[in-house]
Amino acid sequence: MIILTFLCINTSLNSCSISLASEKKNIITLEDSIHPPSDIISILVKKSLEFSCLNINDISGIITITGPGNYTSIRVGIAFSLGLSKSKSTPVYGISALEAITIGQEKRCKENQRFLTSLKSFKNEFFLQFFSHSFEALGNPFKSKLEGINDLVGNEDLLLLGPGSFEIAKVLNKKNLTFYEDSVIDFQKVLLHIKKNFNEYNDISPLYLSNPIAEKKDISWFVKKEI
């Protein structure tokens, strides 16, 4: 039986994170939050393969996080993924960071309970999305100021996920409210989830929920980087 091994790329959360994951386990994750993703992405991919005693031809596919997050960083991750996919004839799949974080928390949510998954944006703004206990998206992702989240939630029973959960929990001020701030993505679980229906994750379009900051950098060279 052939075990699929995927290269997983996340440049949406103010860092560059490269993971290798198979259907059986998470193999390795390397992360750099100091250098711009454009400077470090190919280096991290090469190191992750070397540390795992693999080469690029052992990769069965690519999973790339499409956002939300930093406009330029998202473009870097997607451009690199598409360029590598084209050069190696390897399939590439896209998933949002909000959905990917949620998938890794499958054992935490009770039946009929909903997830509210959040990522910190800028200042007091957050990226948010509601999910069912079976990871079905309940509406599109959106951005909200911290003080406006209470009006969106009401009195329903929610499980808060993601690195923005603590601040949101304080604003909601509900008894017995459970939250988990972990932003780590379990790519083995994400891979197994995507594998159930690859066609649902063929869209590699960037998920932008913020207006881009003007910048002049040409990212076309990322597709030419060699591993």
C-alpha atoms as a PDB file:
ATOM      1  CA  MET A   1       0.000   0.000   0.000  1.00  0.00           C
ATOM      2  CA  ILE A   2       1.356   3.409  -1.026  1.00  0.00           C
ATOM      3  CA  ILE A   3       1.471   5.976   1.800  1.00  0.00           C
ATOM      4  CA  LEU A   4       0.882   9.531   0.622  1.00  0.00           C
ATOM      5  CA  THR A   5       3.371  12.140   1.853  1.00  0.00           C
ATOM      6  CA  PHE A   6       2.460  15.810   1.456  1.00  0.00           C
ATOM      7  CA  LEU A   7       4.428  19.037   1.640  1.00  0.00           C
ATOM      8  CA  CYS A   8       2.366  21.559   3.623  1.00  0.00           C
ATOM      9  CA  ILE A   9       3.003  25.292   3.329  1.00  0.00           C
ATOM     10  CA  ASN A  10       1.641  28.000   5.611  1.00  0.00           C
ATOM     11  CA  THR A  11       2.704  31.620   5.203  1.00  0.00           C
ATOM     12  CA  SER A  12      -0.482  33.240   6.494  1.00  0.00           C
ATOM     13  CA  LEU A  13       0.245  33.704  10.209  1.00  0.00           C
ATOM     14  CA  ASN A  14       3.146  36.185  10.268  1.00  0.00           C
ATOM     15  CA  SER A  15       5.650  33.380   9.802  1.00  0.00           C
ATOM     16  CA  CYS A  16       6.719  30.766   7.282  1.00  0.00           C
ATOM     17  CA  SER A  17       5.876  27.224   8.340  1.00  0.00           C
ATOM     18  CA  ILE A  18       6.788  24.117   6.342  1.00  0.00           C
ATOM     19  CA  SER A  19       5.482  20.694   7.331  1.00  0.00           C
ATOM     20  CA  LEU A  20       5.724  17.187   5.973  1.00  0.00           C
ATOM     21  CA  ALA A  21       2.808  14.907   6.774  1.00  0.00           C
ATOM     22  CA  SER A  22       1.739  11.447   5.703  1.00  0.00           C
ATOM     23  CA  GLU A  23      -1.548   9.626   6.122  1.00  0.00           C
ATOM     24  CA  LYS A  24      -0.015   7.949   9.172  1.00  0.00           C
ATOM     25  CA  LYS A  25       1.687  10.803  11.030  1.00  0.00           C
ATOM     26  CA  ASN A  26       3.053  14.333  11.113  1.00  0.00           C
ATOM     27  CA  ILE A  27       6.687  13.942  10.073  1.00  0.00           C
ATOM     28  CA  ILE A  28       8.267  17.340  10.714  1.00  0.00           C
ATOM     29  CA  THR A  29       7.472  21.041  11.001  1.00  0.00           C
ATOM     30  CA  LEU A  30       9.992  23.846  10.579  1.00  0.00           C
ATOM     31  CA  GLU A  31       8.989  27.448  11.201  1.00  0.00           C
ATOM     32  CA  ASP A  32      10.660  30.832  10.855  1.00  0.00           C
ATOM     33  CA  SER A  33       9.076  34.048  12.119  1.00  0.00           C
ATOM     34  CA  ILE A  34      12.157  36.245  11.710  1.00  0.00           C
ATOM     35  CA  HIS A  35      12.783  36.335   7.960  1.00  0.00           C
ATOM     36  CA  PRO A  36      10.261  37.258   5.248  1.00  0.00           C
ATOM     37  CA  PRO A  37       8.672  34.110   3.758  1.00  0.00           C
ATOM     38  CA  SER A  38      10.110  35.052   0.373  1.00  0.00           C
ATOM     39  CA  ASP A  39      13.644  34.727   1.779  1.00  0.00           C
ATOM     40  CA  ILE A  40      13.232  31.525   3.774  1.00  0.00           C
ATOM     41  CA  ILE A  41      10.559  29.342   2.161  1.00  0.00           C
ATOM     42  CA  SER A  42      12.792  27.342  -0.189  1.00  0.00           C
ATOM     43  CA  ILE A  43      15.421  26.915   2.557  1.00  0.00           C
ATOM     44  CA  LEU A  44      12.848  25.491   4.987  1.00  0.00           C
ATOM     45  CA  VAL A  45      11.493  23.113   2.355  1.00  0.00           C
ATOM     46  CA  LYS A  46      14.989  21.830   1.610  1.00  0.00           C
ATOM     47  CA  LYS A  47      15.836  21.405   5.312  1.00  0.00           C
ATOM     48  CA  SER A  48      12.568  19.613   6.087  1.00  0.00           C
ATOM     49  CA  LEU A  49      13.236  17.107   3.310  1.00  0.00           C
ATOM     50  CA  GLU A  50      16.841  16.575   4.414  1.00  0.00           C
ATOM     51  CA  PHE A  51      15.910  16.081   8.084  1.00  0.00           C
ATOM     52  CA  SER A  52      13.243  13.557   7.050  1.00  0.00           C
ATOM     53  CA  CYS A  53      15.601  11.677   4.691  1.00  0.00           C
ATOM     54  CA  LEU A  54      13.309  12.437   1.765  1.00  0.00           C
ATOM     55  CA  ASN A  55      13.714  14.201  -1.547  1.00  0.00           C
ATOM     56  CA  ILE A  56      11.274  16.288  -3.522  1.00  0.00           C
ATOM     57  CA  ASN A  57      10.310  13.328  -5.718  1.00  0.00           C
ATOM     58  CA  ASP A  58       8.947  11.527  -2.644  1.00  0.00           C
ATOM     59  CA  ILE A  59       6.235  14.164  -2.286  1.00  0.00           C
ATOM     60  CA  SER A  60       2.787  12.986  -3.403  1.00  0.00           C
ATOM     61  CA  GLY A  61       1.153  16.401  -3.247  1.00  0.00           C
ATOM     62  CA  ILE A  62       1.139  19.888  -1.748  1.00  0.00           C
ATOM     63  CA  ILE A  63      -1.266  21.498   0.700  1.00  0.00           C
ATOM     64  CA  THR A  64      -1.068  25.275   0.904  1.00  0.00           C
ATOM     65  CA  ILE A  65      -2.837  27.592   3.333  1.00  0.00           C
ATOM     66  CA  THR A  66      -4.710  30.193   1.282  1.00  0.00           C
ATOM     67  CA  GLY A  67      -5.353  32.708   4.077  1.00  0.00           C
ATOM     68  CA  PRO A  68      -6.626  34.767   5.702  1.00  0.00           C
ATOM     69  CA  GLY A  69      -3.632  36.732   6.862  1.00  0.00           C
ATOM     70  CA  ASN A  70      -0.881  38.944   5.538  1.00  0.00           C
ATOM     71  CA  TYR A  71      -1.554  39.849   1.902  1.00  0.00           C
ATOM     72  CA  THR A  72       1.999  39.553   0.591  1.00  0.00           C
ATOM     73  CA  SER A  73       2.860  36.456   2.631  1.00  0.00           C
ATOM     74  CA  ILE A  74      -0.197  34.605   1.333  1.00  0.00           C
ATOM     75  CA  ARG A  75       0.835  35.409  -2.238  1.00  0.00           C
ATOM     76  CA  VAL A  76       4.339  34.082  -1.567  1.00  0.00           C
ATOM     77  CA  GLY A  77       3.078  30.745  -0.242  1.00  0.00           C
ATOM     78  CA  ILE A  78       0.588  30.228  -3.050  1.00  0.00           C
ATOM     79  CA  ALA A  79       3.019  31.256  -5.796  1.00  0.00           C
ATOM     80  CA  PHE A  80       5.686  28.922  -4.433  1.00  0.00           C
ATOM     81  CA  SER A  81       3.211  26.030  -4.151  1.00  0.00           C
ATOM     82  CA  LEU A  82       1.887  26.503  -7.676  1.00  0.00           C
ATOM     83  CA  GLY A  83       5.378  26.834  -9.119  1.00  0.00           C
ATOM     84  CA  LEU A  84       6.582  23.657  -7.415  1.00  0.00           C
ATOM     85  CA  SER A  85       3.400  21.842  -8.421  1.00  0.00           C
ATOM     86  CA  LYS A  86       3.917  22.785 -12.053  1.00  0.00           C
ATOM     87  CA  SER A  87       7.617  21.944 -12.153  1.00  0.00           C
ATOM     88  CA  LYS A  88       7.155  18.520 -10.512  1.00  0.00           C
ATOM     89  CA  SER A  89       3.692  17.685 -11.928  1.00  0.00           C
ATOM     90  CA  THR A  90       2.462  17.328  -8.353  1.00  0.00           C
ATOM     91  CA  PRO A  91      -1.144  18.080  -7.323  1.00  0.00           C
ATOM     92  CA  VAL A  92      -1.711  21.067  -5.054  1.00  0.00           C
ATOM     93  CA  TYR A  93      -4.677  21.710  -2.769  1.00  0.00           C
ATOM     94  CA  GLY A  94      -5.726  24.851  -0.928  1.00  0.00           C
ATOM     95  CA  ILE A  95      -7.400  25.240   2.456  1.00  0.00           C
ATOM     96  CA  SER A  96      -7.955  28.211   4.753  1.00  0.00           C
ATOM     97  CA  ALA A  97      -6.083  28.475   8.036  1.00  0.00           C
ATOM     98  CA  LEU A  98      -9.411  28.741   9.865  1.00  0.00           C
ATOM     99  CA  GLU A  99     -10.673  25.435   8.487  1.00  0.00           C
ATOM    100  CA  ALA A 100      -7.300  23.720   8.947  1.00  0.00           C
ATOM    101  CA  ILE A 101      -7.086  24.737  12.632  1.00  0.00           C
ATOM    102  CA  THR A 102     -10.640  23.498  13.193  1.00  0.00           C
ATOM    103  CA  ILE A 103     -10.043  20.083  11.621  1.00  0.00           C
ATOM    104  CA  GLY A 104      -7.298  19.344  14.133  1.00  0.00           C
ATOM    105  CA  GLN A 105      -9.709  19.780  17.055  1.00  0.00           C
ATOM    106  CA  GLU A 106     -12.249  17.108  16.123  1.00  0.00           C
ATOM    107  CA  LYS A 107     -12.304  15.472  19.569  1.00  0.00           C
ATOM    108  CA  ARG A 108     -12.980  18.674  21.479  1.00  0.00           C
ATOM    109  CA  CYS A 109     -16.406  19.588  20.128  1.00  0.00           C
ATOM    110  CA  LYS A 110     -19.634  18.033  21.408  1.00  0.00           C
ATOM    111  CA  GLU A 111     -22.411  17.014  19.051  1.00  0.00           C
ATOM    112  CA  ASN A 112     -24.648  19.979  18.168  1.00  0.00           C
ATOM    113  CA  GLN A 113     -21.967  22.395  19.412  1.00  0.00           C
ATOM    114  CA  ARG A 114     -20.395  24.895  17.045  1.00  0.00           C
ATOM    115  CA  PHE A 115     -16.821  26.058  16.657  1.00  0.00           C
ATOM    116  CA  LEU A 116     -15.927  29.721  16.365  1.00  0.00           C
ATOM    117  CA  THR A 117     -12.389  29.722  15.015  1.00  0.00           C
ATOM    118  CA  SER A 118     -10.411  32.951  15.103  1.00  0.00           C
ATOM    119  CA  LEU A 119      -7.110  34.452  14.036  1.00  0.00           C
ATOM    120  CA  LYS A 120      -5.791  37.799  15.210  1.00  0.00           C
ATOM    121  CA  SER A 121      -5.572  40.374  12.433  1.00  0.00           C
ATOM    122  CA  PHE A 122      -4.372  43.896  13.231  1.00  0.00           C
ATOM    123  CA  LYS A 123      -5.007  45.939  16.374  1.00  0.00           C
ATOM    124  CA  ASN A 124      -8.379  44.785  17.729  1.00  0.00           C
ATOM    125  CA  GLU A 125      -9.604  43.012  14.582  1.00  0.00           C
ATOM    126  CA  PHE A 126     -10.031  39.274  14.102  1.00  0.00           C
ATOM    127  CA  PHE A 127     -10.597  36.843  11.249  1.00  0.00           C
ATOM    128  CA  LEU A 128     -13.467  34.519  12.179  1.00  0.00           C
ATOM    129  CA  GLN A 129     -15.540  31.628  10.878  1.00  0.00           C
ATOM    130  CA  PHE A 130     -18.242  29.387  12.330  1.00  0.00           C
ATOM    131  CA  PHE A 131     -18.063  25.602  11.854  1.00  0.00           C
ATOM    132  CA  SER A 132     -20.318  22.704  12.797  1.00  0.00           C
ATOM    133  CA  HIS A 133     -19.008  19.836  14.944  1.00  0.00           C
ATOM    134  CA  SER A 134     -18.399  17.948  11.669  1.00  0.00           C
ATOM    135  CA  PHE A 135     -16.235  20.815  10.276  1.00  0.00           C
ATOM    136  CA  GLU A 136     -18.882  22.054   7.862  1.00  0.00           C
ATOM    137  CA  ALA A 137     -18.427  25.778   7.285  1.00  0.00           C
ATOM    138  CA  LEU A 138     -21.454  27.707   8.536  1.00  0.00           C
ATOM    139  CA  GLY A 139     -21.109  30.765   6.357  1.00  0.00           C
ATOM    140  CA  ASN A 140     -18.070  32.480   4.901  1.00  0.00           C
ATOM    141  CA  PRO A 141     -15.068  33.698   6.889  1.00  0.00           C
ATOM    142  CA  PHE A 142     -15.314  37.325   7.955  1.00  0.00           C
ATOM    143  CA  LYS A 143     -13.469  40.037   9.854  1.00  0.00           C
ATOM    144  CA  SER A 144     -14.776  41.810  12.936  1.00  0.00           C
ATOM    145  CA  LYS A 145     -13.600  44.224  15.576  1.00  0.00           C
ATOM    146  CA  LEU A 146     -13.351  42.697  19.032  1.00  0.00           C
ATOM    147  CA  GLU A 147     -16.197  44.763  20.464  1.00  0.00           C
ATOM    148  CA  GLY A 148     -18.576  43.612  17.707  1.00  0.00           C
ATOM    149  CA  ILE A 149     -18.146  39.866  18.237  1.00  0.00           C
ATOM    150  CA  ASN A 150     -20.569  39.642  21.162  1.00  0.00           C
ATOM    151  CA  ASP A 151     -23.442  40.781  18.911  1.00  0.00           C
ATOM    152  CA  LEU A 152     -22.575  38.065  16.385  1.00  0.00           C
ATOM    153  CA  VAL A 153     -22.540  35.221  18.892  1.00  0.00           C
ATOM    154  CA  GLY A 154     -25.612  35.725  21.060  1.00  0.00           C
ATOM    155  CA  ASN A 155     -26.296  33.095  23.720  1.00  0.00           C
ATOM    156  CA  GLU A 156     -25.448  29.934  21.826  1.00  0.00           C
ATOM    157  CA  ASP A 157     -23.071  27.238  23.067  1.00  0.00           C
ATOM    158  CA  LEU A 158     -19.738  27.713  21.322  1.00  0.00           C
ATOM    159  CA  LEU A 159     -16.269  26.236  21.474  1.00  0.00           C
ATOM    160  CA  LEU A 160     -13.675  28.919  20.716  1.00  0.00           C
ATOM    161  CA  LEU A 161     -10.587  27.897  18.758  1.00  0.00           C
ATOM    162  CA  GLY A 162      -7.482  29.640  17.496  1.00  0.00           C
ATOM    163  CA  PRO A 163      -5.002  32.229  18.756  1.00  0.00           C
ATOM    164  CA  GLY A 164      -7.673  34.914  19.131  1.00  0.00           C
ATOM    165  CA  SER A 165      -9.833  32.835  21.491  1.00  0.00           C
ATOM    166  CA  PHE A 166      -8.662  34.224  24.828  1.00  0.00           C
ATOM    167  CA  GLU A 167      -9.410  37.838  23.959  1.00  0.00           C
ATOM    168  CA  ILE A 168     -12.778  36.870  22.485  1.00  0.00           C
ATOM    169  CA  ALA A 169     -13.662  34.788  25.555  1.00  0.00           C
ATOM    170  CA  LYS A 170     -13.033  37.810  27.798  1.00  0.00           C
ATOM    171  CA  VAL A 171     -15.376  39.960  25.717  1.00  0.00           C
ATOM    172  CA  LEU A 172     -18.132  37.324  25.629  1.00  0.00           C
ATOM    173  CA  ASN A 173     -17.863  36.887  29.408  1.00  0.00           C
ATOM    174  CA  LYS A 174     -19.922  33.688  29.534  1.00  0.00           C
ATOM    175  CA  LYS A 175     -19.832  31.051  32.239  1.00  0.00           C
ATOM    176  CA  ASN A 176     -18.264  27.698  31.353  1.00  0.00           C
ATOM    177  CA  LEU A 177     -17.028  28.992  28.009  1.00  0.00           C
ATOM    178  CA  THR A 178     -14.317  26.694  26.653  1.00  0.00           C
ATOM    179  CA  PHE A 179     -11.520  27.970  24.454  1.00  0.00           C
ATOM    180  CA  TYR A 180      -8.247  26.651  23.024  1.00  0.00           C
ATOM    181  CA  GLU A 181      -5.689  29.153  21.775  1.00  0.00           C
ATOM    182  CA  ASP A 182      -3.516  26.673  19.904  1.00  0.00           C
ATOM    183  CA  SER A 183      -2.740  27.829  16.356  1.00  0.00           C
ATOM    184  CA  VAL A 184      -0.807  24.683  15.403  1.00  0.00           C
ATOM    185  CA  ILE A 185      -2.276  22.958  12.357  1.00  0.00           C
ATOM    186  CA  ASP A 186      -2.398  19.161  12.449  1.00  0.00           C
ATOM    187  CA  PHE A 187      -1.592  18.510   8.798  1.00  0.00           C
ATOM    188  CA  GLN A 188      -1.963  14.754   9.103  1.00  0.00           C
ATOM    189  CA  LYS A 189      -5.622  15.265  10.007  1.00  0.00           C
ATOM    190  CA  VAL A 190      -5.956  17.930   7.315  1.00  0.00           C
ATOM    191  CA  LEU A 191      -4.552  15.512   4.729  1.00  0.00           C
ATOM    192  CA  LEU A 192      -6.984  12.778   5.758  1.00  0.00           C
ATOM    193  CA  HIS A 193      -9.847  15.273   5.570  1.00  0.00           C
ATOM    194  CA  ILE A 194      -8.855  16.563   2.118  1.00  0.00           C
ATOM    195  CA  LYS A 195      -8.343  13.004   0.877  1.00  0.00           C
ATOM    196  CA  LYS A 196     -12.065  12.313   1.391  1.00  0.00           C
ATOM    197  CA  ASN A 197     -12.821  14.692  -1.479  1.00  0.00           C
ATOM    198  CA  PHE A 198      -9.818  16.174  -3.235  1.00  0.00           C
ATOM    199  CA  ASN A 199     -12.050  18.078  -5.674  1.00  0.00           C
ATOM    200  CA  GLU A 200     -13.379  20.341  -2.916  1.00  0.00           C
ATOM    201  CA  TYR A 201      -9.871  21.718  -2.360  1.00  0.00           C
ATOM    202  CA  ASN A 202      -8.738  22.393  -5.930  1.00  0.00           C
ATOM    203  CA  ASP A 203      -9.244  26.147  -5.565  1.00  0.00           C
ATOM    204  CA  ILE A 204      -5.910  27.779  -4.730  1.00  0.00           C
ATOM    205  CA  SER A 205      -7.266  31.337  -4.800  1.00  0.00           C
ATOM    206  CA  PRO A 206      -5.980  33.543  -1.973  1.00  0.00           C
ATOM    207  CA  LEU A 207      -8.443  34.296   0.814  1.00  0.00           C
ATOM    208  CA  TYR A 208      -8.134  38.019   1.489  1.00  0.00           C
ATOM    209  CA  LEU A 209     -10.265  39.590   4.209  1.00  0.00           C
ATOM    210  CA  SER A 210      -8.162  42.737   4.546  1.00  0.00           C
ATOM    211  CA  ASN A 211      -7.289  45.444   2.080  1.00  0.00           C
ATOM    212  CA  PRO A 212      -3.749  44.874   0.774  1.00  0.00           C
ATOM    213  CA  ILE A 213      -0.978  47.249   1.738  1.00  0.00           C
ATOM    214  CA  ALA A 214       0.589  48.740  -1.380  1.00  0.00           C
ATOM    215  CA  GLU A 215       3.833  47.037  -2.319  1.00  0.00           C
ATOM    216  CA  LYS A 216       5.904  46.799  -5.469  1.00  0.00           C
ATOM    217  CA  LYS A 217       7.626  43.470  -5.068  1.00  0.00           C
ATOM    218  CA  ASP A 218       7.314  41.154  -8.058  1.00  0.00           C
ATOM    219  CA  ILE A 219       6.686  37.593  -6.836  1.00  0.00           C
ATOM    220  CA  SER A 220       6.933  35.907 -10.248  1.00  0.00           C
ATOM    221  CA  TRP A 221      10.452  34.723  -9.418  1.00  0.00           C
ATOM    222  CA  PHE A 222       9.146  32.405  -6.679  1.00  0.00           C
ATOM    223  CA  VAL A 223       7.911  29.923  -9.244  1.00  0.00           C
ATOM    224  CA  LYS A 224      11.471  29.613 -10.541  1.00  0.00           C
ATOM    225  CA  LYS A 225      13.057  28.706  -7.205  1.00  0.00           C
ATOM    226  CA  GLU A 226      14.686  25.303  -7.140  1.00  0.00           C
ATOM    227  CA  ILE A 227      14.635  22.859  -4.246  1.00  0.00           C
END
